Amino acid sequence: MKEKLKKIFAPILKPFESGENEYIYRESHRSILKIFGLLFFILSIGSIYASIKASVLGGVLPATVFFLIAFVSEIVAFLGSDRAVANIWKRR
């Protein structure tokens, strides 16, 4: 199942997994990335809630940006290689 998901999300993963130079990876980087994604997901939900409550469409753009950051973070955290996680932190 994980391999199928990697194929589906390959356009997101490839930019982070590319490169041949050394990288520094620690398991804590993946854990922090998962938490980072969760926090941005909560921010996107909060932004949508606030924009609906205030009846203003201005909250849609921040909610979309927060959701996209959360989505990419979670995809890289759960499906990405060690190099992808290191590249998202720019640890070389």
Protein backbone atom coordinates (compact mmCIF):
# COMPACT_ATOMS: atom_id res chain seq x y z
CA MET A 1 0.00 0.00 0.00
CA LYS A 2 2.83 2.37 0.88
CA GLU A 3 4.42 1.86 -2.55
CA LYS A 4 1.15 2.74 -4.30
CA LEU A 5 0.86 5.91 -2.26
CA LYS A 6 4.46 6.79 -3.08
CA LYS A 7 3.66 6.47 -6.79
CA ILE A 8 0.55 8.61 -6.43
CA PHE A 9 2.40 11.36 -4.54
CA ALA A 10 5.62 11.12 -6.56
CA PRO A 11 5.25 14.68 -7.95
CA ILE A 12 5.35 15.99 -4.37
CA LEU A 13 8.13 13.67 -3.16
CA LYS A 14 10.56 13.89 -6.10
CA PRO A 15 11.78 17.47 -5.50
CA PHE A 16 12.64 16.59 -1.90
CA GLU A 17 14.23 13.23 -2.68
CA SER A 18 16.48 14.51 -5.45
CA GLY A 19 20.15 15.24 -4.92
CA GLU A 20 23.29 13.21 -4.45
CA ASN A 21 25.15 15.16 -1.79
CA GLU A 22 25.39 14.18 1.86
CA TYR A 23 22.54 14.88 4.23
CA ILE A 24 22.05 14.82 7.98
CA TYR A 25 19.00 12.92 9.14
CA ARG A 26 17.70 12.20 12.63
CA GLU A 27 14.49 10.40 13.53
CA SER A 28 13.44 13.48 15.51
CA HIS A 29 13.31 15.44 12.24
CA ARG A 30 10.54 13.15 10.97
CA SER A 31 8.64 13.41 14.27
CA ILE A 32 8.88 17.18 14.29
CA LEU A 33 7.69 17.29 10.67
CA LYS A 34 4.61 15.25 11.61
CA ILE A 35 3.82 17.66 14.48
CA PHE A 36 4.52 20.65 12.20
CA GLY A 37 2.00 19.28 9.66
CA LEU A 38 -0.60 18.69 12.36
CA LEU A 39 -0.24 22.25 13.67
CA PHE A 40 -0.67 23.71 10.19
CA PHE A 41 -3.72 21.50 9.66
CA ILE A 42 -5.21 22.88 12.89
CA LEU A 43 -4.41 26.41 11.68
CA SER A 44 -6.22 25.75 8.40
CA ILE A 45 -9.30 24.46 10.19
CA GLY A 46 -9.22 27.45 12.56
CA SER A 47 -8.91 29.85 9.63
CA ILE A 48 -11.86 28.24 7.84
CA TYR A 49 -13.92 28.33 11.03
CA ALA A 50 -13.12 32.00 11.65
CA SER A 51 -13.91 32.99 8.07
CA ILE A 52 -17.24 31.15 8.16
CA LYS A 53 -18.10 32.61 11.56
CA ALA A 54 -17.29 36.16 10.34
CA SER A 55 -18.91 35.58 6.94
CA VAL A 56 -15.76 36.81 5.21
CA LEU A 57 -14.09 35.10 2.28
CA GLY A 58 -10.71 36.59 3.22
CA GLY A 59 -9.90 33.55 5.35
CA VAL A 60 -10.00 31.16 2.42
CA LEU A 61 -6.53 32.07 1.13
CA PRO A 62 -4.71 31.57 4.47
CA ALA A 63 -6.67 28.36 5.05
CA THR A 64 -5.61 27.05 1.65
CA VAL A 65 -1.96 27.94 2.22
CA PHE A 66 -1.96 26.39 5.70
CA PHE A 67 -3.65 23.25 4.37
CA LEU A 68 -1.14 22.86 1.51
CA ILE A 69 1.80 23.24 3.90
CA ALA A 70 0.23 20.66 6.22
CA PHE A 71 -0.46 18.28 3.34
CA VAL A 72 3.07 18.42 1.95
CA SER A 73 4.57 18.09 5.44
CA GLU A 74 2.53 15.00 6.23
CA ILE A 75 3.20 13.37 2.85
CA VAL A 76 6.95 13.85 3.25
CA ALA A 77 6.85 12.76 6.91
CA PHE A 78 4.94 9.55 6.29
CA LEU A 79 6.01 8.54 2.77
CA GLY A 80 9.28 10.36 2.12
CA SER A 81 12.76 8.91 2.38
CA ASP A 82 15.31 10.05 4.92
CA ARG A 83 16.80 12.31 2.23
CA ALA A 84 13.40 13.95 1.64
CA VAL A 85 12.99 14.72 5.34
CA ALA A 86 16.54 16.11 5.52
CA ASN A 87 15.95 18.20 2.38
CA ILE A 88 12.77 19.72 3.76
CA TRP A 89 14.83 20.89 6.76
CA LYS A 90 17.78 21.76 4.46
CA ARG A 91 20.12 19.72 6.65
CA ARG A 92 23.23 18.75 4.70
